[in-house]
Amino acid sequence: MSRYYNSPLWEPGSVRPRFGFQVVGADMDNGVDRVVGRRLKARRRLMGITQQGLGEACGVTFQQIQKYEGAVSRVSAHMLWKLACALEVDVGYFFAGLVREDLAGEGPRSLPPVGAGLSQGF
């Protein structure tokens, strides 16, 4: 059998088996990751910075910047901070306009005060 895409062994949506790897980020279909990636790309283009330049400023390769922009890789908090500094924006810029879907209709929730319940154990 042929190992090419037109092979009967290949099914749409699957990875060609000859590479010997599995899709690691299959559960990365998160809307927040896509929004962060789009905003990252938009700001980078607005400032006229290449992926290579942004990668050098943040200490990663341009391929990694591509992965962040395409929501293939999730951006860590530390990297988000570096990207925000390099792009001269607040970290919140990447999340502006997002709606908290998990709390839709419930209104704002308050968190318990820090240390609440700690004295109960003593």
PDB file of N, CA and C in Angstrom:
ATOM      1  N   MET A   1       0.819  -1.181   0.000  1.00  0.00           N
ATOM      2  CA  MET A   1       0.000   0.000   0.000  1.00  0.00           C
ATOM      3  C   MET A   1       0.868   1.252   0.000  1.00  0.00           C
ATOM      4  N   SER A   2       0.364   2.264  -0.580  1.00  0.00           N
ATOM      5  CA  SER A   2       1.048   3.547  -0.636  1.00  0.00           C
ATOM      6  C   SER A   2       0.937   4.274   0.699  1.00  0.00           C
ATOM      7  N   ARG A   3       1.947   5.079   1.015  1.00  0.00           N
ATOM      8  CA  ARG A   3       1.931   5.852   2.253  1.00  0.00           C
ATOM      9  C   ARG A   3       1.503   7.292   2.019  1.00  0.00           C
ATOM     10  N   TYR A   4       0.951   7.585   0.897  1.00  0.00           N
ATOM     11  CA  TYR A   4       0.561   8.942   0.584  1.00  0.00           C
ATOM     12  C   TYR A   4      -0.888   9.190   0.981  1.00  0.00           C
ATOM     13  N   TYR A   5      -1.286  10.439   0.955  1.00  0.00           N
ATOM     14  CA  TYR A   5      -2.631  10.808   1.380  1.00  0.00           C
ATOM     15  C   TYR A   5      -3.726  10.127   0.566  1.00  0.00           C
ATOM     16  N   ASN A   6      -3.454   9.791  -0.677  1.00  0.00           N
ATOM     17  CA  ASN A   6      -4.490   9.149  -1.483  1.00  0.00           C
ATOM     18  C   ASN A   6      -4.575   7.653  -1.230  1.00  0.00           C
ATOM     19  N   SER A   7      -3.822   7.179  -0.258  1.00  0.00           N
ATOM     20  CA  SER A   7      -3.863   5.775   0.111  1.00  0.00           C
ATOM     21  C   SER A   7      -5.195   5.446   0.774  1.00  0.00           C
ATOM     22  N   PRO A   8      -5.721   4.260   0.518  1.00  0.00           N
ATOM     23  CA  PRO A   8      -6.968   3.881   1.188  1.00  0.00           C
ATOM     24  C   PRO A   8      -6.820   3.751   2.700  1.00  0.00           C
ATOM     25  N   LEU A   9      -5.584   3.666   3.201  1.00  0.00           N
ATOM     26  CA  LEU A   9      -5.379   3.568   4.645  1.00  0.00           C
ATOM     27  C   LEU A   9      -5.559   4.907   5.338  1.00  0.00           C
ATOM     28  N   TRP A  10      -5.459   5.974   4.581  1.00  0.00           N
ATOM     29  CA  TRP A  10      -5.565   7.309   5.181  1.00  0.00           C
ATOM     30  C   TRP A  10      -7.011   7.737   5.249  1.00  0.00           C
ATOM     31  N   GLU A  11      -7.443   8.172   6.406  1.00  0.00           N
ATOM     32  CA  GLU A  11      -8.790   8.676   6.582  1.00  0.00           C
ATOM     33  C   GLU A  11      -8.710  10.152   6.920  1.00  0.00           C
ATOM     34  N   PRO A  12      -9.624  10.953   6.425  1.00  0.00           N
ATOM     35  CA  PRO A  12      -9.596  12.381   6.740  1.00  0.00           C
ATOM     36  C   PRO A  12      -9.618  12.611   8.247  1.00  0.00           C
ATOM     37  N   GLY A  13      -8.789  13.549   8.690  1.00  0.00           N
ATOM     38  CA  GLY A  13      -8.722  13.868  10.103  1.00  0.00           C
ATOM     39  C   GLY A  13      -7.717  13.042  10.881  1.00  0.00           C
ATOM     40  N   SER A  14      -7.103  12.063  10.236  1.00  0.00           N
ATOM     41  CA  SER A  14      -6.125  11.250  10.960  1.00  0.00           C
ATOM     42  C   SER A  14      -4.717  11.665  10.555  1.00  0.00           C
ATOM     43  N   VAL A  15      -3.747  11.274  11.346  1.00  0.00           N
ATOM     44  CA  VAL A  15      -2.355  11.557  11.067  1.00  0.00           C
ATOM     45  C   VAL A  15      -1.788  10.382  10.299  1.00  0.00           C
ATOM     46  N   ARG A  16      -0.968  10.670   9.303  1.00  0.00           N
ATOM     47  CA  ARG A  16      -0.379   9.574   8.549  1.00  0.00           C
ATOM     48  C   ARG A  16       0.469   8.711   9.466  1.00  0.00           C
ATOM     49  N   PRO A  17       0.253   7.408   9.479  1.00  0.00           N
ATOM     50  CA  PRO A  17       0.945   6.537  10.426  1.00  0.00           C
ATOM     51  C   PRO A  17       2.443   6.438  10.211  1.00  0.00           C
ATOM     52  N   ARG A  18       2.956   6.780   9.060  1.00  0.00           N
ATOM     53  CA  ARG A  18       4.390   6.604   8.824  1.00  0.00           C
ATOM     54  C   ARG A  18       5.241   7.520   9.688  1.00  0.00           C
ATOM     55  N   PHE A  19       4.658   8.584  10.226  1.00  0.00           N
ATOM     56  CA  PHE A  19       5.433   9.486  11.059  1.00  0.00           C
ATOM     57  C   PHE A  19       5.599   8.946  12.475  1.00  0.00           C
ATOM     58  N   GLY A  20       4.741   8.049  12.899  1.00  0.00           N
ATOM     59  CA  GLY A  20       4.886   7.413  14.188  1.00  0.00           C
ATOM     60  C   GLY A  20       4.586   8.306  15.376  1.00  0.00           C
ATOM     61  N   PHE A  21       3.710   9.285  15.227  1.00  0.00           N
ATOM     62  CA  PHE A  21       3.340  10.108  16.369  1.00  0.00           C
ATOM     63  C   PHE A  21       1.832  10.266  16.427  1.00  0.00           C
ATOM     64  N   GLN A  22       1.379  10.621  17.607  1.00  0.00           N
ATOM     65  CA  GLN A  22      -0.043  10.826  17.808  1.00  0.00           C
ATOM     66  C   GLN A  22      -0.310  12.318  17.904  1.00  0.00           C
ATOM     67  N   VAL A  23      -1.537  12.710  17.694  1.00  0.00           N
ATOM     68  CA  VAL A  23      -1.915  14.102  17.845  1.00  0.00           C
ATOM     69  C   VAL A  23      -1.956  14.398  19.341  1.00  0.00           C
ATOM     70  N   VAL A  24      -1.017  15.215  19.806  1.00  0.00           N
ATOM     71  CA  VAL A  24      -0.882  15.475  21.226  1.00  0.00           C
ATOM     72  C   VAL A  24      -1.871  16.527  21.693  1.00  0.00           C
ATOM     73  N   GLY A  25      -2.108  17.565  20.925  1.00  0.00           N
ATOM     74  CA  GLY A  25      -2.953  18.661  21.360  1.00  0.00           C
ATOM     75  C   GLY A  25      -4.358  18.587  20.818  1.00  0.00           C
ATOM     76  N   ALA A  26      -4.912  17.400  20.677  1.00  0.00           N
ATOM     77  CA  ALA A  26      -6.233  17.257  20.087  1.00  0.00           C
ATOM     78  C   ALA A  26      -7.306  17.938  20.920  1.00  0.00           C
ATOM     79  N   ASP A  27      -7.084  18.065  22.232  1.00  0.00           N
ATOM     80  CA  ASP A  27      -8.079  18.714  23.079  1.00  0.00           C
ATOM     81  C   ASP A  27      -7.846  20.218  23.178  1.00  0.00           C
ATOM     82  N   MET A  28      -6.981  20.766  22.342  1.00  0.00           N
ATOM     83  CA  MET A  28      -6.647  22.186  22.392  1.00  0.00           C
ATOM     84  C   MET A  28      -7.676  23.042  21.680  1.00  0.00           C
ATOM     85  N   ASP A  29      -8.814  22.479  21.348  1.00  0.00           N
ATOM     86  CA  ASP A  29      -9.835  23.247  20.651  1.00  0.00           C
ATOM     87  C   ASP A  29     -10.551  24.149  21.654  1.00  0.00           C
ATOM     88  N   ASN A  30      -9.788  25.067  22.217  1.00  0.00           N
ATOM     89  CA  ASN A  30     -10.306  25.970  23.229  1.00  0.00           C
ATOM     90  C   ASN A  30     -10.430  27.355  22.627  1.00  0.00           C
ATOM     91  N   GLY A  31     -11.585  27.970  22.759  1.00  0.00           N
ATOM     92  CA  GLY A  31     -11.822  29.286  22.187  1.00  0.00           C
ATOM     93  C   GLY A  31     -10.894  30.347  22.731  1.00  0.00           C
ATOM     94  N   VAL A  32     -10.515  30.241  24.001  1.00  0.00           N
ATOM     95  CA  VAL A  32      -9.624  31.229  24.601  1.00  0.00           C
ATOM     96  C   VAL A  32      -8.264  31.190  23.919  1.00  0.00           C
ATOM     97  N   ASP A  33      -7.751  30.003  23.650  1.00  0.00           N
ATOM     98  CA  ASP A  33      -6.458  29.875  22.976  1.00  0.00           C
ATOM     99  C   ASP A  33      -6.497  30.511  21.589  1.00  0.00           C
ATOM    100  N   ARG A  34      -7.595  30.324  20.883  1.00  0.00           N
ATOM    101  CA  ARG A  34      -7.730  30.919  19.552  1.00  0.00           C
ATOM    102  C   ARG A  34      -7.783  32.438  19.629  1.00  0.00           C
ATOM    103  N   VAL A  35      -8.520  32.960  20.606  1.00  0.00           N
ATOM    104  CA  VAL A  35      -8.621  34.418  20.756  1.00  0.00           C
ATOM    105  C   VAL A  35      -7.266  35.010  21.111  1.00  0.00           C
ATOM    106  N   VAL A  36      -6.553  34.389  22.041  1.00  0.00           N
ATOM    107  CA  VAL A  36      -5.224  34.869  22.421  1.00  0.00           C
ATOM    108  C   VAL A  36      -4.296  34.844  21.207  1.00  0.00           C
ATOM    109  N   GLY A  37      -4.341  33.778  20.431  1.00  0.00           N
ATOM    110  CA  GLY A  37      -3.503  33.677  19.236  1.00  0.00           C
ATOM    111  C   GLY A  37      -3.825  34.742  18.208  1.00  0.00           C
ATOM    112  N   ARG A  38      -5.108  34.999  17.989  1.00  0.00           N
ATOM    113  CA  ARG A  38      -5.509  36.035  17.024  1.00  0.00           C
ATOM    114  C   ARG A  38      -5.071  37.423  17.471  1.00  0.00           C
ATOM    115  N   ARG A  39      -5.247  37.701  18.761  1.00  0.00           N
ATOM    116  CA  ARG A  39      -4.866  39.018  19.277  1.00  0.00           C
ATOM    117  C   ARG A  39      -3.354  39.190  19.247  1.00  0.00           C
ATOM    118  N   LEU A  40      -2.626  38.120  19.512  1.00  0.00           N
ATOM    119  CA  LEU A  40      -1.168  38.141  19.431  1.00  0.00           C
ATOM    120  C   LEU A  40      -0.726  38.484  18.017  1.00  0.00           C
ATOM    121  N   LYS A  41      -1.312  37.810  17.047  1.00  0.00           N
ATOM    122  CA  LYS A  41      -0.956  38.044  15.646  1.00  0.00           C
ATOM    123  C   LYS A  41      -1.327  39.461  15.205  1.00  0.00           C
ATOM    124  N   ALA A  42      -2.522  39.907  15.594  1.00  0.00           N
ATOM    125  CA  ALA A  42      -2.974  41.241  15.201  1.00  0.00           C
ATOM    126  C   ALA A  42      -2.047  42.318  15.765  1.00  0.00           C
ATOM    127  N   ARG A  43      -1.678  42.203  17.032  1.00  0.00           N
ATOM    128  CA  ARG A  43      -0.806  43.206  17.651  1.00  0.00           C
ATOM    129  C   ARG A  43       0.581  43.170  17.040  1.00  0.00           C
ATOM    130  N   ARG A  44       1.092  41.975  16.780  1.00  0.00           N
ATOM    131  CA  ARG A  44       2.426  41.851  16.170  1.00  0.00           C
ATOM    132  C   ARG A  44       2.444  42.529  14.812  1.00  0.00           C
ATOM    133  N   ARG A  45       1.412  42.285  13.996  1.00  0.00           N
ATOM    134  CA  ARG A  45       1.337  42.903  12.674  1.00  0.00           C
ATOM    135  C   ARG A  45       1.166  44.410  12.768  1.00  0.00           C
ATOM    136  N   LEU A  46       0.345  44.856  13.716  1.00  0.00           N
ATOM    137  CA  LEU A  46       0.115  46.284  13.899  1.00  0.00           C
ATOM    138  C   LEU A  46       1.413  47.019  14.213  1.00  0.00           C
ATOM    139  N   MET A  47       2.274  46.375  14.988  1.00  0.00           N
ATOM    140  CA  MET A  47       3.540  46.989  15.360  1.00  0.00           C
ATOM    141  C   MET A  47       4.629  46.769  14.310  1.00  0.00           C
ATOM    142  N   GLY A  48       4.330  45.985  13.286  1.00  0.00           N
ATOM    143  CA  GLY A  48       5.304  45.750  12.221  1.00  0.00           C
ATOM    144  C   GLY A  48       6.447  44.848  12.633  1.00  0.00           C
ATOM    145  N   ILE A  49       6.185  43.935  13.542  1.00  0.00           N
ATOM    146  CA  ILE A  49       7.209  43.011  14.025  1.00  0.00           C
ATOM    147  C   ILE A  49       7.017  41.663  13.337  1.00  0.00           C
ATOM    148  N   THR A  50       8.110  41.066  12.910  1.00  0.00           N
ATOM    149  CA  THR A  50       8.032  39.738  12.298  1.00  0.00           C
ATOM    150  C   THR A  50       7.947  38.683  13.386  1.00  0.00           C
ATOM    151  N   GLN A  51       7.555  37.479  12.982  1.00  0.00           N
ATOM    152  CA  GLN A  51       7.551  36.366  13.932  1.00  0.00           C
ATOM    153  C   GLN A  51       8.957  36.108  14.443  1.00  0.00           C
ATOM    154  N   GLN A  52       9.934  36.256  13.554  1.00  0.00           N
ATOM    155  CA  GLN A  52      11.329  36.067  13.940  1.00  0.00           C
ATOM    156  C   GLN A  52      11.738  37.089  14.996  1.00  0.00           C
ATOM    157  N   GLY A  53      11.379  38.349  14.769  1.00  0.00           N
ATOM    158  CA  GLY A  53      11.730  39.409  15.710  1.00  0.00           C
ATOM    159  C   GLY A  53      11.065  39.225  17.067  1.00  0.00           C
ATOM    160  N   LEU A  54       9.792  38.861  17.057  1.00  0.00           N
ATOM    161  CA  LEU A  54       9.080  38.631  18.308  1.00  0.00           C
ATOM    162  C   LEU A  54       9.655  37.422  19.039  1.00  0.00           C
ATOM    163  N   GLY A  55       9.978  36.394  18.284  1.00  0.00           N
ATOM    164  CA  GLY A  55      10.586  35.209  18.893  1.00  0.00           C
ATOM    165  C   GLY A  55      11.911  35.526  19.555  1.00  0.00           C
ATOM    166  N   GLU A  56      12.738  36.325  18.887  1.00  0.00           N
ATOM    167  CA  GLU A  56      14.029  36.714  19.464  1.00  0.00           C
ATOM    168  C   GLU A  56      13.835  37.548  20.723  1.00  0.00           C
ATOM    169  N   ALA A  57      12.846  38.431  20.715  1.00  0.00           N
ATOM    170  CA  ALA A  57      12.589  39.275  21.880  1.00  0.00           C
ATOM    171  C   ALA A  57      12.111  38.447  23.070  1.00  0.00           C
ATOM    172  N   CYS A  58      11.463  37.314  22.801  1.00  0.00           N
ATOM    173  CA  CYS A  58      10.905  36.483  23.877  1.00  0.00           C
ATOM    174  C   CYS A  58      11.735  35.240  24.161  1.00  0.00           C
ATOM    175  N   GLY A  59      12.762  35.006  23.369  1.00  0.00           N
ATOM    176  CA  GLY A  59      13.624  33.845  23.611  1.00  0.00           C
ATOM    177  C   GLY A  59      13.092  32.533  23.071  1.00  0.00           C
ATOM    178  N   VAL A  60      12.262  32.592  22.019  1.00  0.00           N
ATOM    179  CA  VAL A  60      11.767  31.375  21.381  1.00  0.00           C
ATOM    180  C   VAL A  60      11.967  31.499  19.873  1.00  0.00           C
ATOM    181  N   THR A  61      11.720  30.413  19.158  1.00  0.00           N
ATOM    182  CA  THR A  61      11.861  30.425  17.710  1.00  0.00           C
ATOM    183  C   THR A  61      10.615  31.008  17.055  1.00  0.00           C
ATOM    184  N   PHE A  62      10.754  31.390  15.789  1.00  0.00           N
ATOM    185  CA  PHE A  62       9.591  31.903  15.072  1.00  0.00           C
ATOM    186  C   PHE A  62       8.541  30.819  14.901  1.00  0.00           C
ATOM    187  N   GLN A  63       8.972  29.546  14.866  1.00  0.00           N
ATOM    188  CA  GLN A  63       8.011  28.445  14.762  1.00  0.00           C
ATOM    189  C   GLN A  63       7.108  28.400  15.995  1.00  0.00           C
ATOM    190  N   GLN A  64       7.685  28.691  17.156  1.00  0.00           N
ATOM    191  CA  GLN A  64       6.886  28.686  18.377  1.00  0.00           C
ATOM    192  C   GLN A  64       5.876  29.821  18.360  1.00  0.00           C
ATOM    193  N   ILE A  65       6.274  30.970  17.837  1.00  0.00           N
ATOM    194  CA  ILE A  65       5.335  32.096  17.710  1.00  0.00           C
ATOM    195  C   ILE A  65       4.198  31.697  16.771  1.00  0.00           C
ATOM    196  N   GLN A  66       4.523  30.994  15.687  1.00  0.00           N
ATOM    197  CA  GLN A  66       3.488  30.490  14.771  1.00  0.00           C
ATOM    198  C   GLN A  66       2.510  29.587  15.513  1.00  0.00           C
ATOM    199  N   LYS A  67       3.029  28.724  16.364  1.00  0.00           N
ATOM    200  CA  LYS A  67       2.176  27.806  17.115  1.00  0.00           C
ATOM    201  C   LYS A  67       1.263  28.560  18.081  1.00  0.00           C
ATOM    202  N   TYR A  68       1.792  29.602  18.719  1.00  0.00           N
ATOM    203  CA  TYR A  68       0.964  30.411  19.609  1.00  0.00           C
ATOM    204  C   TYR A  68      -0.141  31.110  18.824  1.00  0.00           C
ATOM    205  N   GLU A  69       0.221  31.699  17.692  1.00  0.00           N
ATOM    206  CA  GLU A  69      -0.759  32.436  16.888  1.00  0.00           C
ATOM    207  C   GLU A  69      -1.831  31.521  16.310  1.00  0.00           C
ATOM    208  N   GLY A  70      -1.478  30.307  15.990  1.00  0.00           N
ATOM    209  CA  GLY A  70      -2.427  29.354  15.428  1.00  0.00           C
ATOM    210  C   GLY A  70      -3.140  28.522  16.477  1.00  0.00           C
ATOM    211  N   ALA A  71      -2.904  28.797  17.751  1.00  0.00           N
ATOM    212  CA  ALA A  71      -3.508  28.061  18.872  1.00  0.00           C
ATOM    213  C   ALA A  71      -3.166  26.576  18.830  1.00  0.00           C
ATOM    214  N   VAL A  72      -1.984  26.263  18.317  1.00  0.00           N
ATOM    215  CA  VAL A  72      -1.511  24.880  18.314  1.00  0.00           C
ATOM    216  C   VAL A  72      -0.843  24.578  19.650  1.00  0.00           C
ATOM    217  N   SER A  73      -0.133  25.571  20.194  1.00  0.00           N
ATOM    218  CA  SER A  73       0.493  25.455  21.508  1.00  0.00           C
ATOM    219  C   SER A  73      -0.151  26.458  22.449  1.00  0.00           C
ATOM    220  N   ARG A  74      -0.350  26.047  23.670  1.00  0.00           N
ATOM    221  CA  ARG A  74      -0.924  26.927  24.683  1.00  0.00           C
ATOM    222  C   ARG A  74       0.175  27.822  25.247  1.00  0.00           C
ATOM    223  N   VAL A  75      -0.130  29.090  25.440  1.00  0.00           N
ATOM    224  CA  VAL A  75       0.836  30.066  25.935  1.00  0.00           C
ATOM    225  C   VAL A  75       0.853  30.017  27.462  1.00  0.00           C
ATOM    226  N   SER A  76       2.053  29.840  28.028  1.00  0.00           N
ATOM    227  CA  SER A  76       2.175  29.831  29.490  1.00  0.00           C
ATOM    228  C   SER A  76       2.057  31.258  30.016  1.00  0.00           C
ATOM    229  N   ALA A  77       1.848  31.378  31.317  1.00  0.00           N
ATOM    230  CA  ALA A  77       1.727  32.706  31.929  1.00  0.00           C
ATOM    231  C   ALA A  77       3.019  33.495  31.775  1.00  0.00           C
ATOM    232  N   HIS A  78       4.147  32.828  31.950  1.00  0.00           N
ATOM    233  CA  HIS A  78       5.440  33.502  31.808  1.00  0.00           C
ATOM    234  C   HIS A  78       5.654  33.998  30.385  1.00  0.00           C
ATOM    235  N   MET A  79       5.325  33.162  29.398  1.00  0.00           N
ATOM    236  CA  MET A  79       5.486  33.561  28.002  1.00  0.00           C
ATOM    237  C   MET A  79       4.500  34.665  27.642  1.00  0.00           C
ATOM    238  N   LEU A  80       3.300  34.602  28.195  1.00  0.00           N
ATOM    239  CA  LEU A  80       2.318  35.652  27.935  1.00  0.00           C
ATOM    240  C   LEU A  80       2.835  36.988  28.449  1.00  0.00           C
ATOM    241  N   TRP A  81       3.496  36.961  29.593  1.00  0.00           N
ATOM    242  CA  TRP A  81       4.093  38.173  30.147  1.00  0.00           C
ATOM    243  C   TRP A  81       5.179  38.706  29.210  1.00  0.00           C
ATOM    244  N   LYS A  82       6.052  37.812  28.732  1.00  0.00           N
ATOM    245  CA  LYS A  82       7.110  38.232  27.809  1.00  0.00           C
ATOM    246  C   LYS A  82       6.530  38.812  26.525  1.00  0.00           C
ATOM    247  N   LEU A  83       5.504  38.155  25.990  1.00  0.00           N
ATOM    248  CA  LEU A  83       4.867  38.639  24.757  1.00  0.00           C
ATOM    249  C   LEU A  83       4.237  40.009  24.978  1.00  0.00           C
ATOM    250  N   ALA A  84       3.563  40.184  26.119  1.00  0.00           N
ATOM    251  CA  ALA A  84       2.927  41.468  26.422  1.00  0.00           C
ATOM    252  C   ALA A  84       3.975  42.572  26.525  1.00  0.00           C
ATOM    253  N   CYS A  85       5.101  42.292  27.160  1.00  0.00           N
ATOM    254  CA  CYS A  85       6.166  43.289  27.271  1.00  0.00           C
ATOM    255  C   CYS A  85       6.752  43.626  25.907  1.00  0.00           C
ATOM    256  N   ALA A  86       6.992  42.612  25.089  1.00  0.00           N
ATOM    257  CA  ALA A  86       7.568  42.836  23.758  1.00  0.00           C
ATOM    258  C   ALA A  86       6.609  43.603  22.858  1.00  0.00           C
ATOM    259  N   LEU A  87       5.315  43.382  23.033  1.00  0.00           N
ATOM    260  CA  LEU A  87       4.309  44.048  22.193  1.00  0.00           C
ATOM    261  C   LEU A  87       3.755  45.318  22.837  1.00  0.00           C
ATOM    262  N   GLU A  88       4.313  45.673  23.989  1.00  0.00           N
ATOM    263  CA  GLU A  88       3.958  46.905  24.699  1.00  0.00           C
ATOM    264  C   GLU A  88       2.463  47.004  25.004  1.00  0.00           C
ATOM    265  N   VAL A  89       1.914  45.922  25.542  1.00  0.00           N
ATOM    266  CA  VAL A  89       0.510  45.899  25.966  1.00  0.00           C
ATOM    267  C   VAL A  89       0.424  45.282  27.351  1.00  0.00           C
ATOM    268  N   ASP A  90      -0.735  45.443  27.965  1.00  0.00           N
ATOM    269  CA  ASP A  90      -1.037  44.785  29.225  1.00  0.00           C
ATOM    270  C   ASP A  90      -1.352  43.320  28.945  1.00  0.00           C
ATOM    271  N   VAL A  91      -1.143  42.447  29.898  1.00  0.00           N
ATOM    272  CA  VAL A  91      -1.474  41.038  29.706  1.00  0.00           C
ATOM    273  C   VAL A  91      -2.968  40.885  29.422  1.00  0.00           C
ATOM    274  N   GLY A  92      -3.774  41.726  30.031  1.00  0.00           N
ATOM    275  CA  GLY A  92      -5.220  41.682  29.831  1.00  0.00           C
ATOM    276  C   GLY A  92      -5.647  41.965  28.403  1.00  0.00           C
ATOM    277  N   TYR A  93      -4.765  42.580  27.618  1.00  0.00           N
ATOM    278  CA  TYR A  93      -5.071  42.864  26.210  1.00  0.00           C
ATOM    279  C   TYR A  93      -5.460  41.593  25.466  1.00  0.00           C
ATOM    280  N   PHE A  94      -4.798  40.503  25.767  1.00  0.00           N
ATOM    281  CA  PHE A  94      -5.038  39.248  25.056  1.00  0.00           C
ATOM    282  C   PHE A  94      -6.401  38.640  25.391  1.00  0.00           C
ATOM    283  N   PHE A  95      -6.997  39.073  26.502  1.00  0.00           N
ATOM    284  CA  PHE A  95      -8.276  38.518  26.940  1.00  0.00           C
ATOM    285  C   PHE A  95      -9.427  39.510  26.842  1.00  0.00           C
ATOM    286  N   ALA A  96      -9.145  40.725  26.386  1.00  0.00           N
ATOM    287  CA  ALA A  96     -10.178  41.761  26.327  1.00  0.00           C
ATOM    288  C   ALA A  96     -11.344  41.303  25.449  1.00  0.00           C
ATOM    289  N   GLY A  97     -12.539  41.499  25.949  1.00  0.00           N
ATOM    290  CA  GLY A  97     -13.733  41.158  25.193  1.00  0.00           C
ATOM    291  C   GLY A  97     -14.211  39.735  25.362  1.00  0.00           C
ATOM    292  N   LEU A  98     -13.459  38.903  26.074  1.00  0.00           N
ATOM    293  CA  LEU A  98     -13.904  37.527  26.306  1.00  0.00           C
ATOM    294  C   LEU A  98     -15.010  37.511  27.344  1.00  0.00           C
ATOM    295  N   VAL A  99     -15.969  36.628  27.157  1.00  0.00           N
ATOM    296  CA  VAL A  99     -17.077  36.481  28.090  1.00  0.00           C
ATOM    297  C   VAL A  99     -16.862  35.189  28.862  1.00  0.00           C
ATOM    298  N   ARG A 100     -17.135  35.232  30.136  1.00  0.00           N
ATOM    299  CA  ARG A 100     -16.999  34.028  30.958  1.00  0.00           C
ATOM    300  C   ARG A 100     -18.202  33.141  30.709  1.00  0.00           C
ATOM    301  N   GLU A 101     -18.046  32.194  29.798  1.00  0.00           N
ATOM    302  CA  GLU A 101     -19.154  31.320  29.408  1.00  0.00           C
ATOM    303  C   GLU A 101     -19.610  30.422  30.558  1.00  0.00           C
ATOM    304  N   ASP A 102     -18.664  30.042  31.401  1.00  0.00           N
ATOM    305  CA  ASP A 102     -19.017  29.123  32.476  1.00  0.00           C
ATOM    306  C   ASP A 102     -19.897  29.789  33.532  1.00  0.00           C
ATOM    307  N   LEU A 103     -19.926  31.114  33.583  1.00  0.00           N
ATOM    308  CA  LEU A 103     -20.724  31.819  34.574  1.00  0.00           C
ATOM    309  C   LEU A 103     -21.815  32.663  33.938  1.00  0.00           C
ATOM    310  N   ALA A 104     -22.104  32.431  32.676  1.00  0.00           N
ATOM    311  CA  ALA A 104     -23.099  33.241  31.980  1.00  0.00           C
ATOM    312  C   ALA A 104     -24.437  33.174  32.704  1.00  0.00           C
ATOM    313  N   GLY A 105     -24.995  34.318  32.996  1.00  0.00           N
ATOM    314  CA  GLY A 105     -26.290  34.383  33.637  1.00  0.00           C
ATOM    315  C   GLY A 105     -26.244  34.321  35.150  1.00  0.00           C
ATOM    316  N   GLU A 106     -25.110  33.978  35.733  1.00  0.00           N
ATOM    317  CA  GLU A 106     -25.029  33.886  37.186  1.00  0.00           C
ATOM    318  C   GLU A 106     -24.639  35.204  37.827  1.00  0.00           C
ATOM    319  N   GLY A 107     -24.074  36.115  37.067  1.00  0.00           N
ATOM    320  CA  GLY A 107     -23.585  37.356  37.642  1.00  0.00           C
ATOM    321  C   GLY A 107     -22.229  37.143  38.288  1.00  0.00           C
ATOM    322  N   PRO A 108     -21.648  38.213  38.836  1.00  0.00           N
ATOM    323  CA  PRO A 108     -20.316  38.083  39.429  1.00  0.00           C
ATOM    324  C   PRO A 108     -20.341  37.264  40.716  1.00  0.00           C
ATOM    325  N   ARG A 109     -19.278  36.489  40.906  1.00  0.00           N
ATOM    326  CA  ARG A 109     -19.131  35.698  42.124  1.00  0.00           C
ATOM    327  C   ARG A 109     -18.025  36.312  42.962  1.00  0.00           C
ATOM    328  N   SER A 110     -18.161  36.215  44.251  1.00  0.00           N
ATOM    329  CA  SER A 110     -17.092  36.704  45.110  1.00  0.00           C
ATOM    330  C   SER A 110     -16.335  35.506  45.673  1.00  0.00           C
ATOM    331  N   LEU A 111     -15.052  35.696  45.822  1.00  0.00           N
ATOM    332  CA  LEU A 111     -14.205  34.645  46.384  1.00  0.00           C
ATOM    333  C   LEU A 111     -14.141  34.808  47.892  1.00  0.00           C
ATOM    334  N   PRO A 112     -13.971  33.717  48.620  1.00  0.00           N
ATOM    335  CA  PRO A 112     -13.817  33.848  50.068  1.00  0.00           C
ATOM    336  C   PRO A 112     -12.522  34.573  50.388  1.00  0.00           C
ATOM    337  N   PRO A 113     -12.460  35.260  51.506  1.00  0.00           N
ATOM    338  CA  PRO A 113     -11.230  35.973  51.861  1.00  0.00           C
ATOM    339  C   PRO A 113     -10.064  35.000  52.016  1.00  0.00           C
ATOM    340  N   VAL A 114      -8.880  35.502  51.709  1.00  0.00           N
ATOM    341  CA  VAL A 114      -7.684  34.671  51.820  1.00  0.00           C
ATOM    342  C   VAL A 114      -7.527  34.258  53.280  1.00  0.00           C
ATOM    343  N   GLY A 115      -7.301  32.995  53.501  1.00  0.00           N
ATOM    344  CA  GLY A 115      -7.096  32.472  54.844  1.00  0.00           C
ATOM    345  C   GLY A 115      -8.382  32.105  55.549  1.00  0.00           C
ATOM    346  N   ALA A 116      -9.519  32.259  54.880  1.00  0.00           N
ATOM    347  CA  ALA A 116     -10.794  31.903  55.516  1.00  0.00           C
ATOM    348  C   ALA A 116     -10.805  30.415  55.804  1.00  0.00           C
ATOM    349  N   GLY A 117     -11.120  30.074  56.983  1.00  0.00           N
ATOM    350  CA  GLY A 117     -11.202  28.670  57.351  1.00  0.00           C
ATOM    351  C   GLY A 117      -9.892  28.090  57.841  1.00  0.00           C
ATOM    352  N   LEU A 118      -8.805  28.835  57.773  1.00  0.00           N
ATOM    353  CA  LEU A 118      -7.520  28.298  58.234  1.00  0.00           C
ATOM    354  C   LEU A 118      -7.493  28.169  59.744  1.00  0.00           C
ATOM    355  N   SER A 119      -8.136  29.090  60.435  1.00  0.00           N
ATOM    356  CA  SER A 119      -8.077  29.060  61.900  1.00  0.00           C
ATOM    357  C   SER A 119      -8.949  27.946  62.482  1.00  0.00           C
ATOM    358  N   GLN A 120      -9.799  27.364  61.689  1.00  0.00           N
ATOM    359  CA  GLN A 120     -10.662  26.302  62.178  1.00  0.00           C
ATOM    360  C   GLN A 120      -9.882  25.051  62.560  1.00  0.00           C
ATOM    361  N   GLY A 121      -8.758  24.845  61.915  1.00  0.00           N
ATOM    362  CA  GLY A 121      -7.954  23.659  62.179  1.00  0.00           C
ATOM    363  C   GLY A 121      -7.098  23.780  63.415  1.00  0.00           C
ATOM    364  N   PHE A 122      -7.026  24.973  64.027  1.00  0.00           N
ATOM    365  CA  PHE A 122      -6.147  25.168  65.175  1.00  0.00           C
ATOM    366  C   PHE A 122      -6.902  25.266  66.455  1.00  0.00           C
TER     367      PHE A 122
END
